[in-house]
Amino acid sequence: MRSRTTFIGTGVGRGSAVGPAVVVGGRPSPPADETVPADLDEVMGLLEGTLAVLADSFRTRAESMDGEIAEIFEATAMMAEDPTLRVRSRELIESGLGPATAIDRVTQQMADALSAAGGYLAERVTDLMSIRDRVIARLLNLPEPGIPILSAPSVILACDLAPADTALIDLNLVLGIATEQGGPTGHVAIIAGQYGIPCVIGAPGVTGIPSGSSTVVDAARGIVISDPSPEDVAAVTRRREAELRRAEDSGAGETADGHKVEVLANIGAERDVDRALATVHDGIGLFRTEFLYLDRRTAPGVDEQADRYRKVLRAYAGRKVVVRTLDAGADKPLAFASLATESNPALGVRGYRTSRVHPELLSDQLTALARAAEDCDTECWVMAPMVSTPQEAAEFAATARAHGLAKVGVMIEVPSAALQASRILEHVDFLSLGTNDLAQYTMAADRLSSELADLINPWQPAVLHLVATTVRAGLAAAKPVGVCGESASDPVMALVLSGLGVTSLSMSPAAAGAVRFALQHHSLAECRQIASVALEAASATEAYSSAVAEIDPEVRAELDIVS
């Protein structure tokens, strides 16, 4: 008889779920005695055809997906078309290896290089290995790897999941997800956050849970429980009912004494708007625009961009939409804007820095945004990512205003920008804190690493103090400072940020209900006290537990907040 077992990882969001486990199957391996094909052209035709079919399937999936998920599939399609896969595989086959063995070795070599590069490129390893698995399965006439077809609501357990894995399932049947690998801002976390699926990542051992076993995924606590007790199941039920109640409140964000704190949505494409409108009415705090670029052989034209932006702006007529300019470059390679190979892409030409090499990309995007804004009764704000100096902020502001955009800001994602926030605000109208990257660069820890999850934590005192420094600069200049990183979706952190003076919190729509509830049950003075104790802490753990201790007990119980 099995007994209750708990696995510890990092939670994504605050949801919880219980259901039967479905364990994702293992990866296919090439046979040790694979024969060398006699007809090289025939086997290369088969290999290249398989890669082409996979690329087409990824693009088809992208068309039916939303936001960042669509971007991920589009980027994976480009990876399947990478000529390196074909060229190196052919060389190995010519040297005497079988096709499955050749593709296995090539993808492993490429995966090692991506892992060594770190950052976004390291995140692509999961996608590359998914391509490898599917090619080998087709070459050897094996069943398609990945998640089996779901016939009932289930909890998915896997070592890791690639976008191609999620493409094969109905996400409406996914109660929760738990993985042994992955980072808090990887693909699995993005998908879970966007769809409001309870998720725990970096939980070693979860794939050892037998398929069919009752399993709890508790994102708030970062745990997975196999064979849960009746009390565990009852707690999940209570929490789910409370989440549904809170989701029905889609009003404005404000504290108990009426202090306004905008609760905004993060979106990645116009397809995300309907989901956002259902729960977030204040506006959009982060409109990612990469979806227009990542699957292209040539840059999108001004007219096409303007049309796509216009759809989002019109949906939020009378409200605010903050558009982030292209956040791509060496760490998110563009086929039409190839840059020289960089030894450390995470510290390379990305975000606003891309305009140093391809200024036309920024110029065309700003032209398109201005044209779209002219036709809409919407507050169109524009901001640049990865700005590091006041000089860069001044350059971007001048360029954006020259294109006819009135509200111009920048993202604070690196310590230098936070420390120079007051000087940056001399040139721009607002700031937006990207706490995911700010934590990564402050703590010198890859934000995709589950092993470093304790460092990639917005509760780290160094990160909190940089946030406070930035907000103080905004208060002194009487200019808004928002947060659009994942920390904004944490209701405890939302109280801290509001107490510091943050004017807006932007998040996945699924997180808005809990954040609004926490704000509505605390006065501004109480938020300031919560922020004060968090800033005095010596560690991330102490900062969080100190903040929780200051929260109204009824709110802690309603949101099931644990210290």
Protein backbone atom coordinates (compact mmCIF):
# COMPACT_ATOMS: atom_id res chain seq x y z
CA MET A 1 0.00 0.00 0.00
CA ARG A 2 1.38 3.38 -1.00
CA SER A 3 1.63 6.19 1.55
CA ARG A 4 1.37 9.94 1.33
CA THR A 5 4.60 11.42 -0.10
CA THR A 6 5.58 15.07 -0.54
CA PHE A 7 7.92 16.43 -3.22
CA ILE A 8 9.35 19.95 -2.95
CA GLY A 9 9.91 22.37 -5.82
CA THR A 10 9.17 25.95 -6.84
CA GLY A 11 5.56 27.01 -7.28
CA VAL A 12 4.27 29.02 -10.24
CA GLY A 13 1.30 31.12 -9.18
CA ARG A 14 -0.83 30.33 -6.15
CA GLY A 15 -3.32 27.75 -7.39
CA SER A 16 -3.80 24.16 -6.29
CA ALA A 17 -5.35 21.11 -7.90
CA VAL A 18 -5.89 17.42 -7.28
CA GLY A 19 -6.43 14.63 -9.80
CA PRO A 20 -5.04 11.44 -11.32
CA ALA A 21 -1.41 11.57 -12.39
CA VAL A 22 -0.36 11.17 -16.00
CA VAL A 23 3.38 10.60 -16.32
CA VAL A 24 5.03 11.71 -19.55
CA GLY A 25 6.89 8.83 -21.19
CA GLY A 26 10.62 8.55 -21.68
CA ARG A 27 12.69 9.59 -24.66
CA PRO A 28 13.50 7.28 -27.59
CA SER A 29 17.12 6.27 -28.09
CA PRO A 30 18.92 5.25 -31.27
CA PRO A 31 19.85 1.56 -31.37
CA ALA A 32 23.45 0.71 -30.54
CA ASP A 33 23.74 -1.32 -33.74
CA GLU A 34 21.96 1.07 -36.09
CA THR A 35 22.85 0.21 -39.68
CA VAL A 36 24.49 2.68 -42.02
CA PRO A 37 22.20 3.47 -44.97
CA ALA A 38 23.41 2.54 -48.43
CA ASP A 39 21.67 5.46 -50.15
CA LEU A 40 22.80 8.70 -48.50
CA ASP A 41 20.49 10.92 -50.56
CA GLU A 42 17.48 8.79 -49.65
CA VAL A 43 18.13 8.90 -45.92
CA MET A 44 18.87 12.64 -46.02
CA GLY A 45 15.62 13.17 -47.87
CA LEU A 46 13.82 11.30 -45.10
CA LEU A 47 15.60 13.29 -42.38
CA GLU A 48 15.03 16.66 -44.02
CA GLY A 49 11.40 15.80 -44.75
CA THR A 50 10.85 14.86 -41.11
CA LEU A 51 12.32 18.17 -39.93
CA ALA A 52 10.16 20.08 -42.41
CA VAL A 53 7.00 18.31 -41.23
CA LEU A 54 7.86 19.12 -37.62
CA ALA A 55 8.46 22.78 -38.46
CA ASP A 56 5.10 22.98 -40.22
CA SER A 57 3.35 21.35 -37.27
CA PHE A 58 4.90 23.83 -34.83
CA ARG A 59 3.76 26.77 -36.96
CA THR A 60 0.26 25.35 -37.21
CA ARG A 61 0.16 25.06 -33.44
CA ALA A 62 1.42 28.64 -33.09
CA GLU A 63 -1.53 29.92 -35.09
CA SER A 64 -3.96 28.42 -32.59
CA MET A 65 -2.09 29.55 -29.47
CA ASP A 66 -1.92 32.83 -27.57
CA GLY A 67 0.80 35.30 -26.72
CA GLU A 68 4.13 33.98 -25.49
CA ILE A 69 3.05 30.39 -26.14
CA ALA A 70 2.61 31.21 -29.82
CA GLU A 71 6.03 32.88 -29.81
CA ILE A 72 7.59 29.75 -28.32
CA PHE A 73 6.12 27.49 -31.01
CA GLU A 74 7.20 29.86 -33.75
CA ALA A 75 10.75 29.95 -32.40
CA THR A 76 10.79 26.14 -32.16
CA ALA A 77 9.72 25.90 -35.82
CA MET A 78 12.72 28.03 -36.76
CA MET A 79 14.96 25.75 -34.72
CA ALA A 80 13.67 22.69 -36.62
CA GLU A 81 14.63 24.50 -39.84
CA ASP A 82 18.14 25.31 -38.62
CA PRO A 83 20.47 24.19 -41.45
CA THR A 84 23.03 23.15 -38.84
CA LEU A 85 20.90 20.11 -38.02
CA ARG A 86 20.93 18.94 -41.63
CA VAL A 87 24.55 19.79 -42.46
CA ARG A 88 26.10 18.21 -39.36
CA SER A 89 23.84 15.14 -39.55
CA ARG A 90 24.88 14.57 -43.15
CA GLU A 91 28.56 14.79 -42.18
CA LEU A 92 28.10 12.19 -39.46
CA ILE A 93 26.09 9.87 -41.69
CA GLU A 94 28.81 10.13 -44.34
CA SER A 95 31.32 9.15 -41.64
CA GLY A 96 29.45 5.89 -41.05
CA LEU A 97 26.74 6.60 -38.46
CA GLY A 98 23.06 5.73 -38.76
CA PRO A 99 20.59 8.64 -39.15
CA ALA A 100 19.05 8.36 -35.66
CA THR A 101 22.52 8.19 -34.09
CA ALA A 102 23.63 11.17 -36.14
CA ILE A 103 20.71 13.42 -35.17
CA ASP A 104 21.17 12.35 -31.54
CA ARG A 105 24.82 13.43 -31.52
CA VAL A 106 24.21 16.69 -33.37
CA THR A 107 21.39 17.81 -31.09
CA GLN A 108 23.43 16.91 -28.01
CA GLN A 109 26.35 18.99 -29.24
CA MET A 110 24.02 21.92 -29.94
CA ALA A 111 22.33 21.47 -26.56
CA ASP A 112 25.70 21.62 -24.80
CA ALA A 113 26.51 24.88 -26.59
CA LEU A 114 23.14 26.41 -25.69
CA SER A 115 23.49 25.37 -22.05
CA ALA A 116 26.93 26.93 -21.86
CA ALA A 117 25.56 30.19 -23.31
CA GLY A 118 22.99 30.44 -20.52
CA GLY A 119 19.95 32.71 -20.34
CA TYR A 120 17.32 32.44 -23.04
CA LEU A 121 19.51 30.19 -25.18
CA ALA A 122 19.76 27.64 -22.36
CA GLU A 123 15.99 27.62 -22.23
CA ARG A 124 15.94 26.48 -25.88
CA VAL A 125 17.56 23.15 -24.93
CA THR A 126 14.17 21.68 -24.01
CA ASP A 127 12.80 22.61 -27.43
CA LEU A 128 15.85 21.23 -29.23
CA MET A 129 15.61 17.90 -27.41
CA SER A 130 11.90 17.74 -28.21
CA ILE A 131 12.81 18.03 -31.90
CA ARG A 132 15.45 15.33 -31.42
CA ASP A 133 12.95 12.96 -29.78
CA ARG A 134 10.35 13.39 -32.50
CA VAL A 135 12.83 12.96 -35.35
CA ILE A 136 14.26 9.78 -33.85
CA ALA A 137 10.79 8.36 -33.17
CA ARG A 138 9.76 8.93 -36.79
CA LEU A 139 13.02 7.57 -38.20
CA LEU A 140 12.61 4.38 -36.15
CA ASN A 141 8.81 4.11 -36.60
CA LEU A 142 8.27 4.45 -32.84
CA PRO A 143 5.24 6.04 -31.13
CA GLU A 144 5.31 9.84 -30.89
CA PRO A 145 7.00 10.77 -27.59
CA GLY A 146 5.47 13.10 -25.05
CA ILE A 147 2.16 13.41 -23.27
CA PRO A 148 -0.44 10.75 -24.07
CA ILE A 149 -3.91 11.80 -25.18
CA LEU A 150 -5.93 12.80 -22.12
CA SER A 151 -9.42 11.38 -21.70
CA ALA A 152 -10.18 13.04 -18.35
CA PRO A 153 -8.91 15.97 -16.24
CA SER A 154 -5.41 15.02 -15.06
CA VAL A 155 -2.22 16.17 -13.36
CA ILE A 156 0.77 16.09 -15.74
CA LEU A 157 4.12 14.90 -14.35
CA ALA A 158 7.30 15.14 -16.43
CA CYS A 159 11.05 15.65 -16.28
CA ASP A 160 10.40 18.76 -18.36
CA LEU A 161 7.93 19.82 -21.04
CA ALA A 162 8.62 21.37 -24.41
CA PRO A 163 6.04 23.43 -26.30
CA ALA A 164 5.60 20.47 -28.64
CA ASP A 165 4.47 18.39 -25.65
CA THR A 166 1.79 20.87 -24.65
CA ALA A 167 0.64 21.17 -28.26
CA LEU A 168 -0.63 17.61 -28.14
CA ILE A 169 -2.97 18.07 -25.19
CA ASP A 170 -6.17 19.86 -24.39
CA LEU A 171 -5.09 22.33 -21.70
CA ASN A 172 -8.69 22.37 -20.46
CA LEU A 173 -8.05 18.82 -19.23
CA VAL A 174 -4.84 19.76 -17.40
CA LEU A 175 -5.58 20.26 -13.70
CA GLY A 176 -1.95 20.86 -12.74
CA ILE A 177 1.62 20.40 -13.91
CA ALA A 178 4.75 19.31 -12.03
CA THR A 179 8.22 18.86 -13.48
CA GLU A 180 11.57 17.72 -12.15
CA GLN A 181 13.51 20.30 -14.13
CA GLY A 182 13.01 23.84 -15.43
CA GLY A 183 13.17 27.37 -14.10
CA PRO A 184 10.55 29.76 -12.71
CA THR A 185 10.37 31.74 -15.96
CA GLY A 186 10.76 28.86 -18.44
CA HIS A 187 8.23 27.64 -20.97
CA VAL A 188 6.26 25.50 -18.54
CA ALA A 189 5.94 28.41 -16.13
CA ILE A 190 4.79 30.71 -18.96
CA ILE A 191 2.12 28.29 -20.13
CA ALA A 192 0.92 27.57 -16.59
CA GLY A 193 0.77 31.24 -15.69
CA GLN A 194 -1.02 32.27 -18.86
CA TYR A 195 -3.72 29.64 -18.46
CA GLY A 196 -3.93 29.78 -14.66
CA ILE A 197 -2.80 26.16 -14.25
CA PRO A 198 -1.33 25.25 -10.83
CA CYS A 199 2.30 24.35 -11.41
CA VAL A 200 5.37 23.24 -9.45
CA ILE A 201 8.73 23.05 -11.21
CA GLY A 202 12.09 21.70 -10.13
CA ALA A 203 10.58 18.96 -7.94
CA PRO A 204 12.91 15.93 -8.15
CA GLY A 205 11.20 12.53 -8.05
CA VAL A 206 7.72 13.45 -9.25
CA THR A 207 7.97 11.22 -12.32
CA GLY A 208 8.25 8.30 -9.94
CA ILE A 209 4.60 8.77 -8.94
CA PRO A 210 2.60 5.97 -10.60
CA SER A 211 0.22 7.01 -13.36
CA GLY A 212 -3.34 7.11 -12.10
CA SER A 213 -2.36 7.95 -8.52
CA SER A 214 -4.23 10.77 -6.83
CA THR A 215 -1.86 13.76 -6.84
CA VAL A 216 -2.00 17.29 -5.44
CA VAL A 217 -0.13 20.18 -7.05
CA ASP A 218 0.12 23.09 -4.59
CA ALA A 219 1.78 26.07 -6.27
CA ALA A 220 1.47 28.37 -3.25
CA ARG A 221 3.54 26.00 -1.13
CA GLY A 222 5.70 24.68 -3.97
CA ILE A 223 4.86 21.05 -3.19
CA VAL A 224 3.45 17.98 -4.91
CA ILE A 225 1.68 15.32 -2.83
CA SER A 226 1.10 11.77 -4.02
CA ASP A 227 -1.73 9.78 -2.40
CA PRO A 228 -2.96 12.84 -0.47
CA SER A 229 -5.01 12.55 2.68
CA PRO A 230 -8.70 13.51 2.77
CA GLU A 231 -7.63 16.70 4.55
CA ASP A 232 -5.29 17.57 1.67
CA VAL A 233 -8.07 17.11 -0.86
CA ALA A 234 -10.54 19.13 1.21
CA ALA A 235 -8.02 21.99 1.45
CA VAL A 236 -7.61 22.05 -2.34
CA THR A 237 -11.39 22.16 -2.79
CA ARG A 238 -11.72 25.11 -0.38
CA ARG A 239 -8.97 27.02 -2.12
CA ARG A 240 -10.42 26.43 -5.58
CA GLU A 241 -13.83 27.71 -4.46
CA ALA A 242 -12.19 30.82 -3.00
CA GLU A 243 -10.25 31.43 -6.23
CA LEU A 244 -13.47 31.28 -8.26
CA ARG A 245 -15.12 33.81 -5.93
CA ARG A 246 -12.24 36.23 -6.25
CA ALA A 247 -12.15 35.88 -10.04
CA GLU A 248 -15.69 37.26 -10.21
CA ASP A 249 -14.41 40.62 -8.90
CA SER A 250 -12.96 42.44 -11.90
CA GLY A 251 -13.09 45.95 -10.44
CA ALA A 252 -10.33 48.51 -10.13
CA GLY A 253 -7.36 47.98 -7.86
CA GLU A 254 -7.25 50.07 -4.69
CA THR A 255 -6.43 49.79 -1.02
CA ALA A 256 -9.01 49.66 1.76
CA ASP A 257 -8.83 53.44 2.18
CA GLY A 258 -9.24 54.15 -1.52
CA HIS A 259 -5.61 54.58 -2.62
CA LYS A 260 -5.48 53.70 -6.31
CA VAL A 261 -3.10 50.94 -7.45
CA GLU A 262 -3.72 49.96 -11.05
CA VAL A 263 -4.08 46.20 -11.57
CA LEU A 264 -3.08 45.58 -15.16
CA ALA A 265 -2.58 42.58 -17.46
CA ASN A 266 0.48 41.18 -19.20
CA ILE A 267 -0.30 40.01 -22.74
CA GLY A 268 1.74 38.74 -25.67
CA ALA A 269 -0.59 39.19 -28.66
CA GLU A 270 -4.01 40.48 -29.62
CA ARG A 271 -5.31 36.95 -29.06
CA ASP A 272 -4.75 37.43 -25.32
CA VAL A 273 -7.09 40.39 -25.06
CA ASP A 274 -10.34 38.49 -24.47
CA ARG A 275 -8.84 36.57 -21.55
CA ALA A 276 -7.48 39.78 -20.08
CA LEU A 277 -10.74 41.69 -20.46
CA ALA A 278 -12.58 39.00 -18.48
CA THR A 279 -10.57 39.72 -15.32
CA VAL A 280 -8.54 42.93 -15.72
CA HIS A 281 -10.28 46.20 -16.55
CA ASP A 282 -7.70 48.86 -15.66
CA GLY A 283 -5.63 48.21 -18.78
CA ILE A 284 -2.51 46.51 -20.10
CA GLY A 285 0.75 47.05 -18.24
CA LEU A 286 2.92 44.95 -20.56
CA PHE A 287 2.13 44.26 -24.21
CA ARG A 288 5.00 42.10 -25.50
CA THR A 289 5.52 42.59 -29.22
CA GLU A 290 7.98 39.77 -30.00
CA PHE A 291 5.22 37.58 -31.44
CA LEU A 292 5.34 39.65 -34.62
CA TYR A 293 9.03 39.00 -35.18
CA LEU A 294 10.18 35.59 -33.97
CA ASP A 295 8.76 33.45 -36.80
CA ARG A 296 9.81 35.69 -39.67
CA ARG A 297 12.40 35.51 -42.40
CA THR A 298 12.02 39.25 -42.92
CA ALA A 299 10.93 41.98 -40.53
CA PRO A 300 7.20 42.78 -40.47
CA GLY A 301 6.26 45.95 -42.33
CA VAL A 302 4.89 49.10 -40.77
CA ASP A 303 1.36 48.53 -42.09
CA GLU A 304 1.16 44.99 -40.73
CA GLN A 305 2.47 46.05 -37.34
CA ALA A 306 0.07 48.98 -37.13
CA ASP A 307 -2.88 46.72 -37.89
CA ARG A 308 -1.94 44.24 -35.18
CA TYR A 309 -1.28 46.92 -32.57
CA ARG A 310 -4.53 48.68 -33.43
CA LYS A 311 -6.57 45.61 -32.48
CA VAL A 312 -5.19 45.62 -28.94
CA LEU A 313 -5.49 49.38 -28.49
CA ARG A 314 -9.12 49.43 -29.61
CA ALA A 315 -10.04 46.61 -27.24
CA TYR A 316 -8.91 48.80 -24.32
CA ALA A 317 -10.37 52.07 -25.57
CA GLY A 318 -10.40 54.71 -22.87
CA ARG A 319 -7.78 52.88 -20.84
CA LYS A 320 -4.01 52.45 -20.80
CA VAL A 321 -1.94 50.05 -22.88
CA VAL A 322 1.81 49.97 -22.22
CA VAL A 323 3.66 48.59 -25.24
CA ARG A 324 7.16 47.19 -24.86
CA THR A 325 9.30 47.60 -27.94
CA LEU A 326 11.02 44.56 -29.40
CA ASP A 327 12.85 42.58 -26.72
CA ALA A 328 15.06 40.46 -28.95
CA GLY A 329 18.62 40.27 -30.15
CA ALA A 330 21.45 37.88 -29.46
CA ASP A 331 19.48 35.94 -26.86
CA LYS A 332 16.36 35.74 -29.06
CA PRO A 333 17.88 35.41 -32.52
CA LEU A 334 16.01 36.94 -35.43
CA ALA A 335 16.49 35.38 -38.85
CA PHE A 336 16.52 38.81 -40.50
CA ALA A 337 18.79 40.49 -37.96
CA SER A 338 21.63 38.09 -37.38
CA LEU A 339 24.28 39.30 -35.00
CA ALA A 340 27.81 38.07 -34.45
CA THR A 341 28.15 35.11 -32.12
CA GLU A 342 28.37 36.30 -28.52
CA SER A 343 30.10 34.46 -25.70
CA ASN A 344 27.46 35.60 -23.19
CA PRO A 345 24.14 36.45 -24.88
CA ALA A 346 22.40 37.31 -21.60
CA LEU A 347 24.81 40.25 -21.34
CA GLY A 348 24.84 40.98 -25.04
CA VAL A 349 22.93 42.86 -27.71
CA ARG A 350 19.33 42.46 -26.60
CA GLY A 351 16.32 44.68 -26.03
CA TYR A 352 16.96 48.36 -26.76
CA ARG A 353 20.58 47.52 -27.59
CA THR A 354 19.39 45.85 -30.80
CA SER A 355 18.85 49.35 -32.21
CA ARG A 356 22.62 49.87 -32.15
CA VAL A 357 22.90 47.29 -34.91
CA HIS A 358 19.48 47.54 -36.59
CA PRO A 359 18.02 51.00 -35.91
CA GLU A 360 15.41 50.49 -38.62
CA LEU A 361 13.63 47.86 -36.50
CA LEU A 362 12.95 50.38 -33.74
CA SER A 363 12.07 53.18 -36.16
CA ASP A 364 9.53 51.03 -38.02
CA GLN A 365 7.97 49.80 -34.78
CA LEU A 366 7.57 53.29 -33.35
CA THR A 367 6.08 54.49 -36.65
CA ALA A 368 3.57 51.64 -36.56
CA LEU A 369 2.65 52.29 -32.92
CA ALA A 370 2.09 55.99 -33.54
CA ARG A 371 -0.06 55.24 -36.56
CA ALA A 372 -2.14 52.72 -34.60
CA ALA A 373 -2.55 55.12 -31.66
CA GLU A 374 -3.88 57.88 -33.91
CA ASP A 375 -6.92 55.73 -34.73
CA CYS A 376 -7.77 54.72 -31.15
CA ASP A 377 -9.18 56.38 -28.07
CA THR A 378 -6.58 54.64 -25.93
CA GLU A 379 -3.67 55.82 -23.80
CA CYS A 380 -0.76 54.33 -25.71
CA TRP A 381 2.39 54.28 -23.59
CA VAL A 382 5.63 52.90 -25.02
CA MET A 383 8.71 51.62 -23.18
CA ALA A 384 12.07 50.15 -24.14
CA PRO A 385 13.54 47.03 -22.48
CA MET A 386 17.14 46.61 -21.27
CA VAL A 387 17.99 50.27 -20.86
CA SER A 388 21.11 50.62 -18.72
CA THR A 389 22.03 54.32 -18.68
CA PRO A 390 20.40 57.77 -18.61
CA GLN A 391 21.96 58.40 -22.02
CA GLU A 392 20.14 55.40 -23.51
CA ALA A 393 16.90 56.57 -21.89
CA ALA A 394 17.34 60.04 -23.37
CA GLU A 395 18.03 58.61 -26.83
CA PHE A 396 14.98 56.37 -26.75
CA ALA A 397 12.71 59.13 -25.42
CA ALA A 398 13.82 61.53 -28.14
CA THR A 399 13.32 58.92 -30.84
CA ALA A 400 9.87 57.86 -29.60
CA ARG A 401 8.64 61.44 -29.27
CA ALA A 402 9.98 62.29 -32.71
CA HIS A 403 7.74 59.54 -34.03
CA GLY A 404 4.70 61.11 -32.37
CA LEU A 405 4.40 59.05 -29.18
CA ALA A 406 3.67 61.19 -26.13
CA LYS A 407 4.04 58.83 -23.13
CA VAL A 408 7.53 57.33 -23.14
CA GLY A 409 9.23 55.17 -20.52
CA VAL A 410 11.85 52.49 -20.00
CA MET A 411 12.11 49.20 -18.16
CA ILE A 412 14.31 48.87 -15.09
CA GLU A 413 15.88 45.41 -15.42
CA VAL A 414 19.53 45.91 -14.51
CA PRO A 415 21.05 47.32 -11.32
CA SER A 416 22.70 50.25 -13.13
CA ALA A 417 19.29 51.52 -14.26
CA ALA A 418 17.79 51.18 -10.78
CA LEU A 419 20.69 53.07 -9.22
CA GLN A 420 20.38 55.81 -11.84
CA ALA A 421 16.58 55.92 -11.83
CA SER A 422 16.40 59.58 -10.79
CA ARG A 423 18.59 60.63 -13.72
CA ILE A 424 16.70 58.38 -16.12
CA LEU A 425 13.44 60.02 -15.03
CA GLU A 426 14.80 63.37 -16.19
CA HIS A 427 14.23 62.07 -19.72
CA VAL A 428 11.18 59.77 -19.55
CA ASP A 429 7.61 59.89 -18.28
CA PHE A 430 7.46 56.58 -16.40
CA LEU A 431 9.38 53.47 -15.36
CA SER A 432 8.39 49.81 -15.29
CA LEU A 433 10.29 47.31 -13.17
CA GLY A 434 10.95 43.94 -14.81
CA THR A 435 11.66 42.01 -11.64
CA ASN A 436 12.46 38.71 -13.39
CA ASP A 437 15.55 40.10 -15.10
CA LEU A 438 16.32 42.49 -12.25
CA ALA A 439 16.63 39.51 -9.89
CA GLN A 440 18.74 37.61 -12.43
CA TYR A 441 21.22 40.40 -13.02
CA THR A 442 21.36 41.54 -9.39
CA MET A 443 22.01 38.04 -8.04
CA ALA A 444 24.15 36.85 -10.99
CA ALA A 445 21.93 33.77 -11.23
CA ASP A 446 20.36 32.31 -14.37
CA ARG A 447 16.62 32.81 -13.97
CA LEU A 448 15.93 29.49 -15.74
CA SER A 449 17.88 27.44 -13.21
CA SER A 450 15.83 25.42 -10.73
CA GLU A 451 19.01 24.89 -8.69
CA LEU A 452 19.28 28.65 -8.12
CA ALA A 453 15.62 29.32 -7.40
CA ASP A 454 16.48 30.65 -3.94
CA LEU A 455 18.63 33.35 -5.54
CA ILE A 456 16.28 34.18 -8.41
CA ASN A 457 13.81 35.49 -5.90
CA PRO A 458 12.27 38.99 -5.81
CA TRP A 459 12.29 38.77 -2.00
CA GLN A 460 16.08 38.89 -1.95
CA PRO A 461 17.00 42.02 0.07
CA ALA A 462 19.28 43.33 -2.68
CA VAL A 463 16.46 43.14 -5.21
CA LEU A 464 13.94 44.72 -2.82
CA HIS A 465 16.29 47.62 -2.12
CA LEU A 466 16.83 48.26 -5.82
CA VAL A 467 13.06 48.29 -6.30
CA ALA A 468 12.71 50.73 -3.40
CA THR A 469 15.43 52.96 -4.85
CA THR A 470 13.63 53.07 -8.18
CA VAL A 471 10.26 53.85 -6.60
CA ARG A 472 11.71 56.62 -4.44
CA ALA A 473 13.04 58.23 -7.60
CA GLY A 474 9.57 58.05 -9.12
CA LEU A 475 7.95 59.62 -6.06
CA ALA A 476 10.51 62.44 -6.02
CA ALA A 477 9.88 63.16 -9.69
CA ALA A 478 6.11 62.71 -9.33
CA LYS A 479 6.20 60.14 -12.14
CA PRO A 480 4.61 56.66 -12.16
CA VAL A 481 6.63 53.53 -11.49
CA GLY A 482 4.99 50.18 -12.20
CA VAL A 483 5.99 46.53 -11.88
CA CYS A 484 5.38 44.10 -14.73
CA GLY A 485 7.55 41.20 -13.56
CA GLU A 486 6.19 38.01 -12.01
CA SER A 487 6.51 39.44 -8.49
CA ALA A 488 3.46 41.63 -9.20
CA SER A 489 1.27 38.50 -9.25
CA ASP A 490 2.17 37.59 -5.64
CA PRO A 491 -0.48 39.16 -3.35
CA VAL A 492 2.01 39.45 -0.49
CA MET A 493 4.58 41.17 -2.67
CA ALA A 494 1.79 43.32 -4.14
CA LEU A 495 1.22 44.80 -0.67
CA VAL A 496 4.95 45.47 -0.27
CA LEU A 497 5.19 47.11 -3.67
CA SER A 498 2.12 49.25 -3.02
CA GLY A 499 3.57 50.30 0.32
CA LEU A 500 6.79 51.33 -1.38
CA GLY A 501 4.82 53.57 -3.71
CA VAL A 502 4.47 51.49 -6.89
CA THR A 503 1.59 52.92 -8.92
CA SER A 504 0.65 49.87 -11.02
CA LEU A 505 0.98 46.10 -10.91
CA SER A 506 0.84 44.11 -14.15
CA MET A 507 0.44 40.34 -14.19
CA SER A 508 -1.08 37.27 -15.78
CA PRO A 509 -4.87 37.82 -15.77
CA ALA A 510 -5.33 34.67 -13.66
CA ALA A 511 -3.47 36.33 -10.74
CA ALA A 512 -5.51 39.52 -10.64
CA GLY A 513 -8.25 38.33 -8.27
CA ALA A 514 -5.92 37.49 -5.39
CA VAL A 515 -3.95 40.73 -5.79
CA ARG A 516 -7.09 42.87 -5.81
CA PHE A 517 -8.41 41.04 -2.73
CA ALA A 518 -5.19 41.64 -0.78
CA LEU A 519 -5.16 45.34 -1.67
CA GLN A 520 -8.82 45.85 -0.83
CA HIS A 521 -8.28 44.54 2.71
CA HIS A 522 -5.30 46.71 3.68
CA SER A 523 -4.95 50.46 4.01
CA LEU A 524 -2.07 52.33 2.45
CA ALA A 525 -0.55 52.80 5.92
CA GLU A 526 -0.68 49.04 6.48
CA CYS A 527 0.97 48.44 3.11
CA ARG A 528 3.73 50.85 4.09
CA GLN A 529 4.29 48.97 7.35
CA ILE A 530 4.47 45.65 5.48
CA ALA A 531 7.02 47.16 3.07
CA SER A 532 9.05 48.54 5.96
CA VAL A 533 9.51 45.18 7.70
CA ALA A 534 10.37 43.48 4.39
CA LEU A 535 13.11 46.03 3.69
CA GLU A 536 14.62 45.51 7.13
CA ALA A 537 15.07 41.76 6.58
CA ALA A 538 18.47 40.14 6.14
CA SER A 539 17.35 37.33 3.84
CA ALA A 540 14.68 36.49 1.29
CA THR A 541 13.06 34.03 3.69
CA GLU A 542 12.98 36.58 6.49
CA ALA A 543 11.61 39.29 4.18
CA TYR A 544 8.71 37.09 3.10
CA SER A 545 7.87 35.73 6.56
CA SER A 546 8.07 39.22 8.12
CA ALA A 547 5.70 40.60 5.50
CA VAL A 548 3.26 37.72 5.95
CA ALA A 549 3.21 38.27 9.73
CA GLU A 550 1.91 41.82 9.15
CA ILE A 551 -0.96 40.74 6.88
CA ASP A 552 -4.53 40.68 8.19
CA PRO A 553 -5.18 37.13 9.52
CA GLU A 554 -8.48 36.88 7.62
CA VAL A 555 -6.68 37.72 4.39
CA ARG A 556 -4.02 35.11 5.12
CA ALA A 557 -6.73 32.53 5.66
CA GLU A 558 -8.72 33.52 2.55
CA LEU A 559 -5.65 33.46 0.30
CA ASP A 560 -4.11 30.50 2.14
CA ILE A 561 -0.86 32.38 2.64
CA VAL A 562 1.79 30.51 4.58
CA SER A 563 4.99 31.94 6.02
